[in-house]
């Protein structure tokens, strides 16, 4: 032994990849790009969730404050059951469709901005 020190096994020897020596130069894989994209998608998610929550909370409130309106019959259903049983599921599909379309658009816009180097 030289001076009482033993050789320490490297991570590569133990089967782990060694860390990269240089950060990637690709702007799409940078932390700033991913952070901005995740922040924008979080805003979109919160907006869609609030839209859903408003619809979910509005139905009982309308039943409480406007019972005559909600008891009206439309197509054989009371307005309450028409909204809850027939229209609510398509409304959720519309929210999902909007979320997916806008999320894809955000990703494309961020990727283009990162490629052009014009990110803010």
PDB file of N, CA and C in Angstrom:
ATOM      1  N   UNK A   1       0.827  -1.194   0.000  1.00  0.00           N
ATOM      2  CA  UNK A   1       0.000   0.000   0.000  1.00  0.00           C
ATOM      3  C   UNK A   1       0.857   1.238   0.000  1.00  0.00           C
ATOM      4  N   UNK A   2       0.365   2.244  -0.698  1.00  0.00           N
ATOM      5  CA  UNK A   2       1.132   3.471  -0.754  1.00  0.00           C
ATOM      6  C   UNK A   2       0.499   4.487   0.174  1.00  0.00           C
ATOM      7  N   UNK A   3       1.096   4.666   1.337  1.00  0.00           N
ATOM      8  CA  UNK A   3       0.656   5.659   2.290  1.00  0.00           C
ATOM      9  C   UNK A   3      -0.636   5.280   2.997  1.00  0.00           C
ATOM     10  N   UNK A   4      -1.034   4.019   2.991  1.00  0.00           N
ATOM     11  CA  UNK A   4      -2.231   3.577   3.680  1.00  0.00           C
ATOM     12  C   UNK A   4      -3.523   3.824   2.918  1.00  0.00           C
ATOM     13  N   UNK A   5      -3.430   4.312   1.672  1.00  0.00           N
ATOM     14  CA  UNK A   5      -4.633   4.568   0.894  1.00  0.00           C
ATOM     15  C   UNK A   5      -4.908   3.391  -0.029  1.00  0.00           C
ATOM     16  N   UNK A   6      -6.147   2.985  -0.063  1.00  0.00           N
ATOM     17  CA  UNK A   6      -6.536   1.934  -0.984  1.00  0.00           C
ATOM     18  C   UNK A   6      -7.171   2.571  -2.212  1.00  0.00           C
ATOM     19  N   UNK A   7      -7.099   1.879  -3.317  1.00  0.00           N
ATOM     20  CA  UNK A   7      -7.731   2.427  -4.514  1.00  0.00           C
ATOM     21  C   UNK A   7      -9.256   2.271  -4.388  1.00  0.00           C
ATOM     22  N   UNK A   8      -9.956   3.321  -4.768  1.00  0.00           N
ATOM     23  CA  UNK A   8     -11.413   3.322  -4.696  1.00  0.00           C
ATOM     24  C   UNK A   8     -11.955   2.886  -6.044  1.00  0.00           C
ATOM     25  N   UNK A   9     -12.896   1.937  -6.063  1.00  0.00           N
ATOM     26  CA  UNK A   9     -13.425   1.497  -7.359  1.00  0.00           C
ATOM     27  C   UNK A   9     -14.229   2.624  -8.006  1.00  0.00           C
ATOM     28  N   UNK A  10     -14.119   2.728  -9.308  1.00  0.00           N
ATOM     29  CA  UNK A  10     -14.861   3.768 -10.016  1.00  0.00           C
ATOM     30  C   UNK A  10     -16.291   3.299 -10.254  1.00  0.00           C
ATOM     31  N   UNK A  11     -17.143   4.247 -10.585  1.00  0.00           N
ATOM     32  CA  UNK A  11     -18.530   3.908 -10.863  1.00  0.00           C
ATOM     33  C   UNK A  11     -18.638   3.016 -12.097  1.00  0.00           C
ATOM     34  N   UNK A  12     -17.757   3.256 -13.072  1.00  0.00           N
ATOM     35  CA  UNK A  12     -17.796   2.455 -14.298  1.00  0.00           C
ATOM     36  C   UNK A  12     -17.471   0.998 -13.986  1.00  0.00           C
ATOM     37  N   UNK A  13     -16.547   0.769 -13.093  1.00  0.00           N
ATOM     38  CA  UNK A  13     -16.176  -0.581 -12.719  1.00  0.00           C
ATOM     39  C   UNK A  13     -17.338  -1.295 -12.039  1.00  0.00           C
ATOM     40  N   UNK A  14     -18.175  -0.527 -11.315  1.00  0.00           N
ATOM     41  CA  UNK A  14     -19.298  -1.111 -10.592  1.00  0.00           C
ATOM     42  C   UNK A  14     -20.530  -1.272 -11.490  1.00  0.00           C
ATOM     43  N   UNK A  15     -20.450  -0.908 -12.757  1.00  0.00           N
ATOM     44  CA  UNK A  15     -21.549  -1.099 -13.675  1.00  0.00           C
ATOM     45  C   UNK A  15     -22.387   0.146 -13.911  1.00  0.00           C
ATOM     46  N   UNK A  16     -22.039   1.244 -13.263  1.00  0.00           N
ATOM     47  CA  UNK A  16     -22.779   2.487 -13.461  1.00  0.00           C
ATOM     48  C   UNK A  16     -22.098   3.313 -14.541  1.00  0.00           C
ATOM     49  N   UNK A  17     -22.881   4.032 -15.339  1.00  0.00           N
ATOM     50  CA  UNK A  17     -22.241   4.889 -16.339  1.00  0.00           C
ATOM     51  C   UNK A  17     -21.548   6.056 -15.660  1.00  0.00           C
ATOM     52  N   UNK A  18     -20.471   6.480 -16.258  1.00  0.00           N
ATOM     53  CA  UNK A  18     -19.769   7.630 -15.705  1.00  0.00           C
ATOM     54  C   UNK A  18     -20.514   8.894 -16.094  1.00  0.00           C
ATOM     55  N   UNK A  19     -20.467   9.932 -15.258  1.00  0.00           N
ATOM     56  CA  UNK A  19     -21.174  11.164 -15.596  1.00  0.00           C
ATOM     57  C   UNK A  19     -20.559  11.830 -16.822  1.00  0.00           C
ATOM     58  N   UNK A  20     -21.403  12.576 -17.532  1.00  0.00           N
ATOM     59  CA  UNK A  20     -20.923  13.284 -18.722  1.00  0.00           C
ATOM     60  C   UNK A  20     -19.965  14.396 -18.310  1.00  0.00           C
ATOM     61  N   UNK A  21     -18.958  14.603 -19.100  1.00  0.00           N
ATOM     62  CA  UNK A  21     -17.985  15.633 -18.784  1.00  0.00           C
ATOM     63  C   UNK A  21     -18.478  17.019 -19.188  1.00  0.00           C
ATOM     64  N   UNK A  22     -19.236  17.117 -20.278  1.00  0.00           N
ATOM     65  CA  UNK A  22     -19.749  18.400 -20.743  1.00  0.00           C
ATOM     66  C   UNK A  22     -21.267  18.346 -20.789  1.00  0.00           C
ATOM     67  N   UNK A  23     -21.931  19.435 -20.439  1.00  0.00           N
ATOM     68  CA  UNK A  23     -23.388  19.444 -20.570  1.00  0.00           C
ATOM     69  C   UNK A  23     -23.770  19.412 -22.041  1.00  0.00           C
ATOM     70  N   UNK A  24     -24.925  18.848 -22.343  1.00  0.00           N
ATOM     71  CA  UNK A  24     -25.319  18.777 -23.753  1.00  0.00           C
ATOM     72  C   UNK A  24     -25.532  20.175 -24.329  1.00  0.00           C
ATOM     73  N   UNK A  25     -25.154  20.336 -25.582  1.00  0.00           N
ATOM     74  CA  UNK A  25     -25.314  21.638 -26.231  1.00  0.00           C
ATOM     75  C   UNK A  25     -26.681  21.768 -26.887  1.00  0.00           C
ATOM     76  N   UNK A  26     -27.456  20.708 -26.913  1.00  0.00           N
ATOM     77  CA  UNK A  26     -28.790  20.718 -27.512  1.00  0.00           C
ATOM     78  C   UNK A  26     -29.736  21.519 -26.614  1.00  0.00           C
ATOM     79  N   UNK A  27     -30.285  22.640 -27.104  1.00  0.00           N
ATOM     80  CA  UNK A  27     -31.130  23.479 -26.243  1.00  0.00           C
ATOM     81  C   UNK A  27     -32.448  22.814 -25.860  1.00  0.00           C
ATOM     82  N   UNK A  28     -32.895  21.827 -26.613  1.00  0.00           N
ATOM     83  CA  UNK A  28     -34.166  21.169 -26.299  1.00  0.00           C
ATOM     84  C   UNK A  28     -34.040  20.295 -25.063  1.00  0.00           C
ATOM     85  N   UNK A  29     -32.850  19.837 -24.743  1.00  0.00           N
ATOM     86  CA  UNK A  29     -32.657  19.004 -23.567  1.00  0.00           C
ATOM     87  C   UNK A  29     -32.104  19.789 -22.382  1.00  0.00           C
ATOM     88  N   UNK A  30     -32.136  21.086 -22.460  1.00  0.00           N
ATOM     89  CA  UNK A  30     -31.616  21.899 -21.368  1.00  0.00           C
ATOM     90  C   UNK A  30     -32.640  22.010 -20.241  1.00  0.00           C
ATOM     91  N   UNK A  31     -32.150  22.314 -19.060  1.00  0.00           N
ATOM     92  CA  UNK A  31     -33.032  22.481 -17.905  1.00  0.00           C
ATOM     93  C   UNK A  31     -33.954  23.676 -18.078  1.00  0.00           C
ATOM     94  N   UNK A  32     -33.473  24.744 -18.681  1.00  0.00           N
ATOM     95  CA  UNK A  32     -34.301  25.941 -18.875  1.00  0.00           C
ATOM     96  C   UNK A  32     -35.482  25.631 -19.793  1.00  0.00           C
ATOM     97  N   UNK A  33     -35.232  24.893 -20.849  1.00  0.00           N
ATOM     98  CA  UNK A  33     -36.301  24.519 -21.777  1.00  0.00           C
ATOM     99  C   UNK A  33     -37.363  23.689 -21.066  1.00  0.00           C
ATOM    100  N   UNK A  34     -36.921  22.657 -20.347  1.00  0.00           N
ATOM    101  CA  UNK A  34     -37.868  21.775 -19.672  1.00  0.00           C
ATOM    102  C   UNK A  34     -38.623  22.500 -18.562  1.00  0.00           C
ATOM    103  N   UNK A  35     -37.946  23.392 -17.853  1.00  0.00           N
ATOM    104  CA  UNK A  35     -38.610  24.141 -16.785  1.00  0.00           C
ATOM    105  C   UNK A  35     -39.701  25.036 -17.343  1.00  0.00           C
ATOM    106  N   UNK A  36     -39.411  25.747 -18.423  1.00  0.00           N
ATOM    107  CA  UNK A  36     -40.421  26.630 -19.023  1.00  0.00           C
ATOM    108  C   UNK A  36     -41.581  25.831 -19.583  1.00  0.00           C
ATOM    109  N   UNK A  37     -41.298  24.730 -20.248  1.00  0.00           N
ATOM    110  CA  UNK A  37     -42.350  23.891 -20.807  1.00  0.00           C
ATOM    111  C   UNK A  37     -43.234  23.320 -19.698  1.00  0.00           C
ATOM    112  N   UNK A  38     -42.625  22.852 -18.628  1.00  0.00           N
ATOM    113  CA  UNK A  38     -43.401  22.302 -17.513  1.00  0.00           C
ATOM    114  C   UNK A  38     -44.244  23.385 -16.843  1.00  0.00           C
ATOM    115  N   UNK A  39     -43.716  24.596 -16.730  1.00  0.00           N
ATOM    116  CA  UNK A  39     -44.474  25.700 -16.135  1.00  0.00           C
ATOM    117  C   UNK A  39     -45.682  26.060 -16.997  1.00  0.00           C
ATOM    118  N   UNK A  40     -45.477  26.124 -18.305  1.00  0.00           N
ATOM    119  CA  UNK A  40     -46.581  26.434 -19.217  1.00  0.00           C
ATOM    120  C   UNK A  40     -47.644  25.337 -19.200  1.00  0.00           C
ATOM    121  N   UNK A  41     -47.212  24.086 -19.142  1.00  0.00           N
ATOM    122  CA  UNK A  41     -48.176  22.988 -19.092  1.00  0.00           C
ATOM    123  C   UNK A  41     -48.902  22.946 -17.748  1.00  0.00           C
ATOM    124  N   UNK A  42     -48.241  23.368 -16.677  1.00  0.00           N
ATOM    125  CA  UNK A  42     -48.915  23.454 -15.379  1.00  0.00           C
ATOM    126  C   UNK A  42     -50.016  24.505 -15.421  1.00  0.00           C
ATOM    127  N   UNK A  43     -49.732  25.654 -16.038  1.00  0.00           N
ATOM    128  CA  UNK A  43     -50.764  26.692 -16.183  1.00  0.00           C
ATOM    129  C   UNK A  43     -51.951  26.157 -16.972  1.00  0.00           C
ATOM    130  N   UNK A  44     -51.682  25.431 -18.040  1.00  0.00           N
ATOM    131  CA  UNK A  44     -52.744  24.847 -18.850  1.00  0.00           C
ATOM    132  C   UNK A  44     -53.542  23.825 -18.041  1.00  0.00           C
ATOM    133  N   UNK A  45     -52.857  22.994 -17.279  1.00  0.00           N
ATOM    134  CA  UNK A  45     -53.527  21.987 -16.453  1.00  0.00           C
ATOM    135  C   UNK A  45     -54.428  22.631 -15.409  1.00  0.00           C
ATOM    136  N   UNK A  46     -53.930  23.676 -14.770  1.00  0.00           N
ATOM    137  CA  UNK A  46     -54.731  24.369 -13.754  1.00  0.00           C
ATOM    138  C   UNK A  46     -55.957  25.017 -14.389  1.00  0.00           C
ATOM    139  N   UNK A  47     -55.794  25.601 -15.568  1.00  0.00           N
ATOM    140  CA  UNK A  47     -56.923  26.209 -16.272  1.00  0.00           C
ATOM    141  C   UNK A  47     -57.988  25.171 -16.596  1.00  0.00           C
ATOM    142  N   UNK A  48     -57.581  24.026 -17.114  1.00  0.00           N
ATOM    143  CA  UNK A  48     -58.535  22.967 -17.437  1.00  0.00           C
ATOM    144  C   UNK A  48     -59.193  22.409 -16.176  1.00  0.00           C
ATOM    145  N   UNK A  49     -58.438  22.249 -15.111  1.00  0.00           N
ATOM    146  CA  UNK A  49     -58.999  21.750 -13.856  1.00  0.00           C
ATOM    147  C   UNK A  49     -60.003  22.733 -13.267  1.00  0.00           C
ATOM    148  N   UNK A  50     -59.704  24.018 -13.362  1.00  0.00           N
ATOM    149  CA  UNK A  50     -60.652  25.024 -12.872  1.00  0.00           C
ATOM    150  C   UNK A  50     -61.934  25.024 -13.690  1.00  0.00           C
ATOM    151  N   UNK A  51     -61.814  24.854 -14.986  1.00  0.00           N
ATOM    152  CA  UNK A  51     -62.991  24.779 -15.852  1.00  0.00           C
ATOM    153  C   UNK A  51     -63.867  23.595 -15.442  1.00  0.00           C
ATOM    154  N   UNK A  52     -63.257  22.455 -15.182  1.00  0.00           N
ATOM    155  CA  UNK A  52     -63.984  21.271 -14.728  1.00  0.00           C
ATOM    156  C   UNK A  52     -64.621  21.520 -13.367  1.00  0.00           C
ATOM    157  N   UNK A  53     -63.867  22.107 -12.447  1.00  0.00           N
ATOM    158  CA  UNK A  53     -64.381  22.356 -11.085  1.00  0.00           C
ATOM    159  C   UNK A  53     -65.560  23.325 -11.113  1.00  0.00           C
ATOM    160  N   UNK A  54     -65.482  24.339 -11.955  1.00  0.00           N
ATOM    161  CA  UNK A  54     -66.596  25.296 -12.056  1.00  0.00           C
ATOM    162  C   UNK A  54     -67.854  24.574 -12.529  1.00  0.00           C
ATOM    163  N   UNK A  55     -67.713  23.729 -13.537  1.00  0.00           N
ATOM    164  CA  UNK A  55     -68.876  22.985 -14.034  1.00  0.00           C
ATOM    165  C   UNK A  55     -69.412  22.037 -12.968  1.00  0.00           C
ATOM    166  N   UNK A  56     -68.526  21.414 -12.230  1.00  0.00           N
ATOM    167  CA  UNK A  56     -68.931  20.458 -11.199  1.00  0.00           C
ATOM    168  C   UNK A  56     -69.641  21.143 -10.038  1.00  0.00           C
ATOM    169  N   UNK A  57     -69.160  22.307  -9.659  1.00  0.00           N
ATOM    170  CA  UNK A  57     -69.748  23.032  -8.530  1.00  0.00           C
ATOM    171  C   UNK A  57     -70.993  23.808  -8.958  1.00  0.00           C
ATOM    172  N   UNK A  58     -71.044  24.225 -10.213  1.00  0.00           N
ATOM    173  CA  UNK A  58     -72.174  25.043 -10.683  1.00  0.00           C
ATOM    174  C   UNK A  58     -73.486  24.271 -10.678  1.00  0.00           C
ATOM    175  N   UNK A  59     -73.465  22.988 -10.973  1.00  0.00           N
ATOM    176  CA  UNK A  59     -74.706  22.227 -11.057  1.00  0.00           C
ATOM    177  C   UNK A  59     -75.467  22.189  -9.722  1.00  0.00           C
ATOM    178  N   UNK A  60     -74.843  21.818  -8.608  1.00  0.00           N
ATOM    179  CA  UNK A  60     -75.595  21.857  -7.347  1.00  0.00           C
ATOM    180  C   UNK A  60     -76.008  23.276  -6.944  1.00  0.00           C
ATOM    181  N   UNK A  61     -75.151  24.259  -7.256  1.00  0.00           N
ATOM    182  CA  UNK A  61     -75.510  25.638  -6.907  1.00  0.00           C
ATOM    183  C   UNK A  61     -76.704  26.118  -7.727  1.00  0.00           C
ATOM    184  N   UNK A  62     -76.739  25.774  -9.010  1.00  0.00           N
ATOM    185  CA  UNK A  62     -77.893  26.128  -9.829  1.00  0.00           C
ATOM    186  C   UNK A  62     -79.162  25.427  -9.338  1.00  0.00           C
ATOM    187  N   UNK A  63     -79.029  24.179  -8.914  1.00  0.00           N
ATOM    188  CA  UNK A  63     -80.181  23.468  -8.353  1.00  0.00           C
ATOM    189  C   UNK A  63     -80.681  24.134  -7.075  1.00  0.00           C
ATOM    190  N   UNK A  64     -79.767  24.682  -6.305  1.00  0.00           N
ATOM    191  CA  UNK A  64     -80.151  25.323  -5.042  1.00  0.00           C
ATOM    192  C   UNK A  64     -80.773  26.696  -5.287  1.00  0.00           C
ATOM    193  N   UNK A  65     -80.134  27.512  -6.140  1.00  0.00           N
ATOM    194  CA  UNK A  65     -80.578  28.892  -6.323  1.00  0.00           C
ATOM    195  C   UNK A  65     -81.613  29.070  -7.437  1.00  0.00           C
ATOM    196  N   UNK A  66     -81.669  28.159  -8.380  1.00  0.00           N
ATOM    197  CA  UNK A  66     -82.613  28.257  -9.502  1.00  0.00           C
ATOM    198  C   UNK A  66     -83.384  26.939  -9.683  1.00  0.00           C
ATOM    199  N   UNK A  67     -84.143  26.512  -8.672  1.00  0.00           N
ATOM    200  CA  UNK A  67     -84.813  25.209  -8.793  1.00  0.00           C
ATOM    201  C   UNK A  67     -85.854  25.162  -9.909  1.00  0.00           C
ATOM    202  N   UNK A  68     -86.510  26.289 -10.175  1.00  0.00           N
ATOM    203  CA  UNK A  68     -87.516  26.287 -11.242  1.00  0.00           C
ATOM    204  C   UNK A  68     -86.863  26.077 -12.608  1.00  0.00           C
ATOM    205  N   UNK A  69     -85.761  26.775 -12.838  1.00  0.00           N
ATOM    206  CA  UNK A  69     -85.044  26.628 -14.101  1.00  0.00           C
ATOM    207  C   UNK A  69     -84.533  25.205 -14.270  1.00  0.00           C
ATOM    208  N   UNK A  70     -83.942  24.656 -13.234  1.00  0.00           N
ATOM    209  CA  UNK A  70     -83.338  23.336 -13.334  1.00  0.00           C
ATOM    210  C   UNK A  70     -84.379  22.214 -13.398  1.00  0.00           C
ATOM    211  N   UNK A  71     -85.627  22.504 -13.017  1.00  0.00           N
ATOM    212  CA  UNK A  71     -86.695  21.506 -13.076  1.00  0.00           C
ATOM    213  C   UNK A  71     -87.393  21.499 -14.430  1.00  0.00           C
ATOM    214  N   UNK A  72     -87.063  22.436 -15.308  1.00  0.00           N
ATOM    215  CA  UNK A  72     -87.652  22.475 -16.650  1.00  0.00           C
ATOM    216  C   UNK A  72     -87.337  21.198 -17.418  1.00  0.00           C
ATOM    217  N   UNK A  73     -88.295  20.750 -18.192  1.00  0.00           N
ATOM    218  CA  UNK A  73     -88.100  19.529 -18.981  1.00  0.00           C
ATOM    219  C   UNK A  73     -87.641  19.886 -20.393  1.00  0.00           C
ATOM    220  N   UNK A  74     -86.563  19.231 -20.802  1.00  0.00           N
ATOM    221  CA  UNK A  74     -86.019  19.405 -22.150  1.00  0.00           C
ATOM    222  C   UNK A  74     -85.722  18.011 -22.688  1.00  0.00           C
ATOM    223  N   UNK A  75     -86.411  17.646 -23.763  1.00  0.00           N
ATOM    224  CA  UNK A  75     -86.182  16.336 -24.362  1.00  0.00           C
ATOM    225  C   UNK A  75     -86.498  15.178 -23.441  1.00  0.00           C
ATOM    226  N   UNK A  76     -87.460  15.335 -22.568  1.00  0.00           N
ATOM    227  CA  UNK A  76     -87.839  14.266 -21.651  1.00  0.00           C
ATOM    228  C   UNK A  76     -87.031  14.230 -20.363  1.00  0.00           C
ATOM    229  N   UNK A  77     -86.030  15.077 -20.232  1.00  0.00           N
ATOM    230  CA  UNK A  77     -85.198  15.145 -19.028  1.00  0.00           C
ATOM    231  C   UNK A  77     -85.428  16.481 -18.342  1.00  0.00           C
ATOM    232  N   UNK A  78     -85.248  16.511 -17.030  1.00  0.00           N
ATOM    233  CA  UNK A  78     -85.155  17.814 -16.385  1.00  0.00           C
ATOM    234  C   UNK A  78     -83.805  18.393 -16.792  1.00  0.00           C
ATOM    235  N   UNK A  79     -83.674  19.693 -16.722  1.00  0.00           N
ATOM    236  CA  UNK A  79     -82.415  20.328 -17.124  1.00  0.00           C
ATOM    237  C   UNK A  79     -81.243  19.802 -16.294  1.00  0.00           C
ATOM    238  N   UNK A  80     -81.495  19.525 -15.009  1.00  0.00           N
ATOM    239  CA  UNK A  80     -80.449  18.971 -14.150  1.00  0.00           C
ATOM    240  C   UNK A  80     -79.930  17.651 -14.712  1.00  0.00           C
ATOM    241  N   UNK A  81     -80.847  16.734 -15.031  1.00  0.00           N
ATOM    242  CA  UNK A  81     -80.429  15.429 -15.531  1.00  0.00           C
ATOM    243  C   UNK A  81     -79.881  15.498 -16.949  1.00  0.00           C
ATOM    244  N   UNK A  82     -80.362  16.447 -17.730  1.00  0.00           N
ATOM    245  CA  UNK A  82     -79.800  16.626 -19.063  1.00  0.00           C
ATOM    246  C   UNK A  82     -78.330  17.033 -18.966  1.00  0.00           C
ATOM    247  N   UNK A  83     -78.045  17.985 -18.088  1.00  0.00           N
ATOM    248  CA  UNK A  83     -76.656  18.433 -17.914  1.00  0.00           C
ATOM    249  C   UNK A  83     -75.807  17.321 -17.304  1.00  0.00           C
ATOM    250  N   UNK A  84     -76.318  16.711 -16.229  1.00  0.00           N
ATOM    251  CA  UNK A  84     -75.532  15.712 -15.505  1.00  0.00           C
ATOM    252  C   UNK A  84     -75.396  14.400 -16.279  1.00  0.00           C
ATOM    253  N   UNK A  85     -76.489  13.927 -16.839  1.00  0.00           N
ATOM    254  CA  UNK A  85     -76.468  12.608 -17.452  1.00  0.00           C
ATOM    255  C   UNK A  85     -76.091  12.583 -18.912  1.00  0.00           C
ATOM    256  N   UNK A  86     -76.323  13.673 -19.626  1.00  0.00           N
ATOM    257  CA  UNK A  86     -76.093  13.656 -21.063  1.00  0.00           C
ATOM    258  C   UNK A  86     -74.950  14.584 -21.470  1.00  0.00           C
ATOM    259  N   UNK A  87     -74.915  15.785 -20.958  1.00  0.00           N
ATOM    260  CA  UNK A  87     -73.970  16.793 -21.434  1.00  0.00           C
ATOM    261  C   UNK A  87     -72.639  16.829 -20.679  1.00  0.00           C
ATOM    262  N   UNK A  88     -72.609  16.294 -19.466  1.00  0.00           N
ATOM    263  CA  UNK A  88     -71.392  16.429 -18.667  1.00  0.00           C
ATOM    264  C   UNK A  88     -70.228  15.633 -19.252  1.00  0.00           C
ATOM    265  N   UNK A  89     -70.489  14.416 -19.698  1.00  0.00           N
ATOM    266  CA  UNK A  89     -69.421  13.587 -20.256  1.00  0.00           C
ATOM    267  C   UNK A  89     -68.831  14.207 -21.525  1.00  0.00           C
ATOM    268  N   UNK A  90     -69.654  14.667 -22.473  1.00  0.00           N
ATOM    269  CA  UNK A  90     -69.058  15.358 -23.632  1.00  0.00           C
ATOM    270  C   UNK A  90     -68.298  16.621 -23.239  1.00  0.00           C
ATOM    271  N   UNK A  91     -68.748  17.313 -22.199  1.00  0.00           N
ATOM    272  CA  UNK A  91     -68.031  18.491 -21.722  1.00  0.00           C
ATOM    273  C   UNK A  91     -66.622  18.119 -21.251  1.00  0.00           C
ATOM    274  N   UNK A  92     -66.500  16.998 -20.556  1.00  0.00           N
ATOM    275  CA  UNK A  92     -65.186  16.523 -20.109  1.00  0.00           C
ATOM    276  C   UNK A  92     -64.312  16.149 -21.309  1.00  0.00           C
ATOM    277  N   UNK A  93     -64.920  15.571 -22.338  1.00  0.00           N
ATOM    278  CA  UNK A  93     -64.176  15.249 -23.550  1.00  0.00           C
ATOM    279  C   UNK A  93     -63.671  16.516 -24.224  1.00  0.00           C
ATOM    280  N   UNK A  94     -64.476  17.547 -24.236  1.00  0.00           N
ATOM    281  CA  UNK A  94     -64.061  18.824 -24.841  1.00  0.00           C
ATOM    282  C   UNK A  94     -62.881  19.406 -24.064  1.00  0.00           C
ATOM    283  N   UNK A  95     -62.955  19.376 -22.743  1.00  0.00           N
ATOM    284  CA  UNK A  95     -61.840  19.867 -21.923  1.00  0.00           C
ATOM    285  C   UNK A  95     -60.574  19.071 -22.238  1.00  0.00           C
ATOM    286  N   UNK A  96     -60.691  17.749 -22.331  1.00  0.00           N
ATOM    287  CA  UNK A  96     -59.535  16.896 -22.640  1.00  0.00           C
ATOM    288  C   UNK A  96     -58.960  17.213 -24.015  1.00  0.00           C
ATOM    289  N   UNK A  97     -59.841  17.397 -24.995  1.00  0.00           N
ATOM    290  CA  UNK A  97     -59.410  17.719 -26.351  1.00  0.00           C
ATOM    291  C   UNK A  97     -58.646  19.038 -26.378  1.00  0.00           C
ATOM    292  N   UNK A  98     -59.185  20.044 -25.710  1.00  0.00           N
ATOM    293  CA  UNK A  98     -58.526  21.358 -25.661  1.00  0.00           C
ATOM    294  C   UNK A  98     -57.171  21.232 -24.969  1.00  0.00           C
ATOM    295  N   UNK A  99     -57.123  20.486 -23.869  1.00  0.00           N
ATOM    296  CA  UNK A  99     -55.865  20.312 -23.144  1.00  0.00           C
ATOM    297  C   UNK A  99     -54.808  19.657 -24.029  1.00  0.00           C
ATOM    298  N   UNK A 100     -55.164  18.598 -24.701  1.00  0.00           N
ATOM    299  CA  UNK A 100     -54.191  17.883 -25.533  1.00  0.00           C
ATOM    300  C   UNK A 100     -53.713  18.754 -26.689  1.00  0.00           C
ATOM    301  N   UNK A 101     -54.637  19.425 -27.368  1.00  0.00           N
ATOM    302  CA  UNK A 101     -54.254  20.287 -28.482  1.00  0.00           C
ATOM    303  C   UNK A 101     -53.328  21.412 -28.037  1.00  0.00           C
ATOM    304  N   UNK A 102     -53.669  22.062 -26.949  1.00  0.00           N
ATOM    305  CA  UNK A 102     -52.842  23.184 -26.481  1.00  0.00           C
ATOM    306  C   UNK A 102     -51.506  22.703 -25.937  1.00  0.00           C
ATOM    307  N   UNK A 103     -51.499  21.537 -25.304  1.00  0.00           N
ATOM    308  CA  UNK A 103     -50.246  20.986 -24.787  1.00  0.00           C
ATOM    309  C   UNK A 103     -49.285  20.666 -25.927  1.00  0.00           C
ATOM    310  N   UNK A 104     -49.796  20.067 -26.987  1.00  0.00           N
ATOM    311  CA  UNK A 104     -48.961  19.765 -28.153  1.00  0.00           C
ATOM    312  C   UNK A 104     -48.466  21.060 -28.793  1.00  0.00           C
ATOM    313  N   UNK A 105     -49.349  22.058 -28.878  1.00  0.00           N
ATOM    314  CA  UNK A 105     -48.943  23.345 -29.447  1.00  0.00           C
ATOM    315  C   UNK A 105     -47.857  24.002 -28.598  1.00  0.00           C
ATOM    316  N   UNK A 106     -47.961  23.904 -27.278  1.00  0.00           N
ATOM    317  CA  UNK A 106     -46.919  24.452 -26.398  1.00  0.00           C
ATOM    318  C   UNK A 106     -45.588  23.772 -26.652  1.00  0.00           C
ATOM    319  N   UNK A 107     -45.609  22.445 -26.747  1.00  0.00           N
ATOM    320  CA  UNK A 107     -44.372  21.704 -26.986  1.00  0.00           C
ATOM    321  C   UNK A 107     -43.732  22.092 -28.314  1.00  0.00           C
ATOM    322  N   UNK A 108     -44.556  22.190 -29.352  1.00  0.00           N
ATOM    323  CA  UNK A 108     -44.016  22.563 -30.665  1.00  0.00           C
ATOM    324  C   UNK A 108     -43.448  23.978 -30.656  1.00  0.00           C
ATOM    325  N   UNK A 109     -44.164  24.908 -30.037  1.00  0.00           N
ATOM    326  CA  UNK A 109     -43.698  26.299 -29.988  1.00  0.00           C
ATOM    327  C   UNK A 109     -42.398  26.411 -29.206  1.00  0.00           C
ATOM    328  N   UNK A 110     -42.311  25.712 -28.089  1.00  0.00           N
ATOM    329  CA  UNK A 110     -41.080  25.749 -27.291  1.00  0.00           C
ATOM    330  C   UNK A 110     -39.924  25.111 -28.038  1.00  0.00           C
ATOM    331  N   UNK A 111     -40.183  24.007 -28.725  1.00  0.00           N
ATOM    332  CA  UNK A 111     -39.112  23.338 -29.477  1.00  0.00           C
ATOM    333  C   UNK A 111     -38.616  24.228 -30.603  1.00  0.00           C
ATOM    334  N   UNK A 112     -39.532  24.870 -31.303  1.00  0.00           N
ATOM    335  CA  UNK A 112     -39.129  25.788 -32.379  1.00  0.00           C
ATOM    336  C   UNK A 112     -38.334  26.967 -31.821  1.00  0.00           C
ATOM    337  N   UNK A 113     -38.797  27.512 -30.707  1.00  0.00           N
ATOM    338  CA  UNK A 113     -38.093  28.646 -30.098  1.00  0.00           C
ATOM    339  C   UNK A 113     -36.704  28.230 -29.636  1.00  0.00           C
ATOM    340  N   UNK A 114     -36.593  27.015 -29.094  1.00  0.00           N
ATOM    341  CA  UNK A 114     -35.281  26.538 -28.630  1.00  0.00           C
ATOM    342  C   UNK A 114     -34.335  26.291 -29.811  1.00  0.00           C
ATOM    343  N   UNK A 115     -34.877  25.778 -30.906  1.00  0.00           N
ATOM    344  CA  UNK A 115     -34.049  25.533 -32.093  1.00  0.00           C
ATOM    345  C   UNK A 115     -33.587  26.846 -32.705  1.00  0.00           C
ATOM    346  N   UNK A 116     -34.453  27.855 -32.714  1.00  0.00           N
ATOM    347  CA  UNK A 116     -34.118  29.146 -33.302  1.00  0.00           C
ATOM    348  C   UNK A 116     -33.251  29.992 -32.367  1.00  0.00           C
ATOM    349  N   UNK A 117     -33.220  29.608 -31.092  1.00  0.00           N
ATOM    350  CA  UNK A 117     -32.436  30.381 -30.129  1.00  0.00           C
ATOM    351  C   UNK A 117     -33.117  31.667 -29.705  1.00  0.00           C
ATOM    352  N   UNK A 118     -34.416  31.764 -29.951  1.00  0.00           N
ATOM    353  CA  UNK A 118     -35.135  32.999 -29.626  1.00  0.00           C
ATOM    354  C   UNK A 118     -35.999  32.850 -28.394  1.00  0.00           C
ATOM    355  N   UNK A 119     -35.615  31.931 -27.525  1.00  0.00           N
ATOM    356  CA  UNK A 119     -36.403  31.747 -26.292  1.00  0.00           C
ATOM    357  C   UNK A 119     -36.277  32.961 -25.402  1.00  0.00           C
ATOM    358  N   UNK A 120     -37.379  33.270 -24.722  1.00  0.00           N
ATOM    359  CA  UNK A 120     -37.359  34.405 -23.783  1.00  0.00           C
ATOM    360  C   UNK A 120     -37.046  33.946 -22.392  1.00  0.00           C
TER     361      UNK A 120
END
